[in-house]
Amino acid sequence: MARGWESKSVEDQVAAAEAAKETHAQARLSAAERKKETERQSLRLSRTQIMNRLNASTNPQYRRQLESALRHLEDRLREIDSND
């Protein structure tokens, strides 16, 4: 049991270090770049959520809605990436 807690603590420390690194890197970005990166991360999170729902869904109508939403998100991500 102690080993499980120890590895969880290490995972937490690694996650905290990565979050601090990301925050530090974002501090060097301009306001417009930060806004774009925030939007990109939000779209990626939404895409992941839709993919999970799509994988779990069996209702054809709901799947079509999710697929439409997914296409919209991917189009928006491509638009953001092409403006870089």
C-alpha atoms as a PDB file:
ATOM      1  CA  MET A   1       0.000   0.000   0.000  1.00  0.00           C
ATOM      2  CA  ALA A   2       2.827   2.398   0.790  1.00  0.00           C
ATOM      3  CA  ARG A   3       4.230   1.813  -2.659  1.00  0.00           C
ATOM      4  CA  GLY A   4       0.929   2.903  -4.249  1.00  0.00           C
ATOM      5  CA  TRP A   5       0.891   6.123  -2.268  1.00  0.00           C
ATOM      6  CA  GLU A   6       4.520   6.784  -3.123  1.00  0.00           C
ATOM      7  CA  SER A   7       3.974   6.411  -6.858  1.00  0.00           C
ATOM      8  CA  LYS A   8       0.864   8.610  -6.665  1.00  0.00           C
ATOM      9  CA  SER A   9       2.922  11.290  -4.943  1.00  0.00           C
ATOM     10  CA  VAL A  10       5.541  11.094  -7.697  1.00  0.00           C
ATOM     11  CA  GLU A  11       2.804  11.366 -10.344  1.00  0.00           C
ATOM     12  CA  ASP A  12       1.431  14.444  -8.578  1.00  0.00           C
ATOM     13  CA  GLN A  13       4.892  16.004  -8.433  1.00  0.00           C
ATOM     14  CA  VAL A  14       5.502  15.340 -12.132  1.00  0.00           C
ATOM     15  CA  ALA A  15       2.099  16.794 -13.038  1.00  0.00           C
ATOM     16  CA  ALA A  16       2.780  19.877 -10.923  1.00  0.00           C
ATOM     17  CA  ALA A  17       6.187  20.374 -12.540  1.00  0.00           C
ATOM     18  CA  GLU A  18       4.698  20.071 -16.018  1.00  0.00           C
ATOM     19  CA  ALA A  19       1.941  22.538 -15.142  1.00  0.00           C
ATOM     20  CA  ALA A  20       4.508  24.997 -13.800  1.00  0.00           C
ATOM     21  CA  LYS A  21       6.605  24.633 -16.950  1.00  0.00           C
ATOM     22  CA  GLU A  22       3.571  25.245 -19.150  1.00  0.00           C
ATOM     23  CA  THR A  23       2.575  28.302 -17.096  1.00  0.00           C
ATOM     24  CA  HIS A  24       6.107  29.667 -17.391  1.00  0.00           C
ATOM     25  CA  ALA A  25       6.143  29.105 -21.157  1.00  0.00           C
ATOM     26  CA  GLN A  26       2.787  30.835 -21.524  1.00  0.00           C
ATOM     27  CA  ALA A  27       4.101  33.847 -19.627  1.00  0.00           C
ATOM     28  CA  ARG A  28       6.507  34.474 -22.519  1.00  0.00           C
ATOM     29  CA  LEU A  29       3.692  34.507 -25.087  1.00  0.00           C
ATOM     30  CA  SER A  30       1.920  37.651 -26.174  1.00  0.00           C
ATOM     31  CA  ALA A  31      -1.708  38.178 -25.158  1.00  0.00           C
ATOM     32  CA  ALA A  32      -2.932  37.162 -28.620  1.00  0.00           C
ATOM     33  CA  GLU A  33      -0.773  34.016 -28.601  1.00  0.00           C
ATOM     34  CA  ARG A  34      -2.037  33.070 -25.135  1.00  0.00           C
ATOM     35  CA  LYS A  35      -5.625  33.540 -26.284  1.00  0.00           C
ATOM     36  CA  LYS A  36      -5.018  31.370 -29.345  1.00  0.00           C
ATOM     37  CA  GLU A  37      -3.301  28.658 -27.297  1.00  0.00           C
ATOM     38  CA  THR A  38      -6.124  28.677 -24.745  1.00  0.00           C
ATOM     39  CA  GLU A  39      -8.683  28.293 -27.521  1.00  0.00           C
ATOM     40  CA  ARG A  40      -6.653  25.480 -29.094  1.00  0.00           C
ATOM     41  CA  GLN A  41      -6.498  23.615 -25.771  1.00  0.00           C
ATOM     42  CA  SER A  42     -10.225  24.099 -25.230  1.00  0.00           C
ATOM     43  CA  LEU A  43     -11.015  22.765 -28.694  1.00  0.00           C
ATOM     44  CA  ARG A  44      -8.763  19.745 -28.152  1.00  0.00           C
ATOM     45  CA  LEU A  45     -10.475  18.990 -24.849  1.00  0.00           C
ATOM     46  CA  SER A  46     -13.894  19.281 -26.494  1.00  0.00           C
ATOM     47  CA  ARG A  47     -12.718  17.011 -29.300  1.00  0.00           C
ATOM     48  CA  THR A  48     -11.598  14.385 -26.781  1.00  0.00           C
ATOM     49  CA  GLN A  49     -14.931  14.544 -24.986  1.00  0.00           C
ATOM     50  CA  ILE A  50     -16.873  14.190 -28.235  1.00  0.00           C
ATOM     51  CA  MET A  51     -14.698  11.267 -29.326  1.00  0.00           C
ATOM     52  CA  ASN A  52     -15.377   9.509 -26.009  1.00  0.00           C
ATOM     53  CA  ARG A  53     -19.111  10.086 -26.367  1.00  0.00           C
ATOM     54  CA  LEU A  54     -19.016   8.941 -29.976  1.00  0.00           C
ATOM     55  CA  ASN A  55     -17.248   5.719 -29.021  1.00  0.00           C
ATOM     56  CA  ALA A  56     -19.863   5.015 -26.348  1.00  0.00           C
ATOM     57  CA  SER A  57     -22.951   6.012 -28.323  1.00  0.00           C
ATOM     58  CA  THR A  58     -25.242   3.579 -30.093  1.00  0.00           C
ATOM     59  CA  ASN A  59     -28.029   6.013 -31.044  1.00  0.00           C
ATOM     60  CA  PRO A  60     -27.625   6.834 -34.781  1.00  0.00           C
ATOM     61  CA  GLN A  61     -29.121  10.314 -34.498  1.00  0.00           C
ATOM     62  CA  TYR A  62     -26.912  11.232 -31.545  1.00  0.00           C
ATOM     63  CA  ARG A  63     -23.874   9.830 -33.387  1.00  0.00           C
ATOM     64  CA  ARG A  64     -24.660  12.081 -36.381  1.00  0.00           C
ATOM     65  CA  GLN A  65     -24.845  15.098 -34.078  1.00  0.00           C
ATOM     66  CA  LEU A  66     -21.543  14.174 -32.487  1.00  0.00           C
ATOM     67  CA  GLU A  67     -19.912  13.618 -35.886  1.00  0.00           C
ATOM     68  CA  SER A  68     -21.126  17.036 -37.015  1.00  0.00           C
ATOM     69  CA  ALA A  69     -19.750  18.642 -33.864  1.00  0.00           C
ATOM     70  CA  LEU A  70     -16.474  16.793 -34.359  1.00  0.00           C
ATOM     71  CA  ARG A  71     -16.147  18.069 -37.936  1.00  0.00           C
ATOM     72  CA  HIS A  72     -16.803  21.611 -36.726  1.00  0.00           C
ATOM     73  CA  LEU A  73     -14.115  21.341 -34.022  1.00  0.00           C
ATOM     74  CA  GLU A  74     -11.577  19.861 -36.418  1.00  0.00           C
ATOM     75  CA  ASP A  75     -12.289  22.621 -38.961  1.00  0.00           C
ATOM     76  CA  ARG A  76     -11.779  25.233 -36.250  1.00  0.00           C
ATOM     77  CA  LEU A  77      -8.525  23.588 -35.120  1.00  0.00           C
ATOM     78  CA  ARG A  78      -7.235  23.559 -38.692  1.00  0.00           C
ATOM     79  CA  GLU A  79      -8.171  27.221 -39.023  1.00  0.00           C
ATOM     80  CA  ILE A  80      -6.258  28.126 -35.878  1.00  0.00           C
ATOM     81  CA  ASP A  81      -3.249  26.035 -36.890  1.00  0.00           C
ATOM     82  CA  SER A  82      -3.148  27.521 -40.388  1.00  0.00           C
ATOM     83  CA  ASN A  83      -2.995  31.052 -38.956  1.00  0.00           C
ATOM     84  CA  ASP A  84       0.246  30.290 -37.081  1.00  0.00           C
END
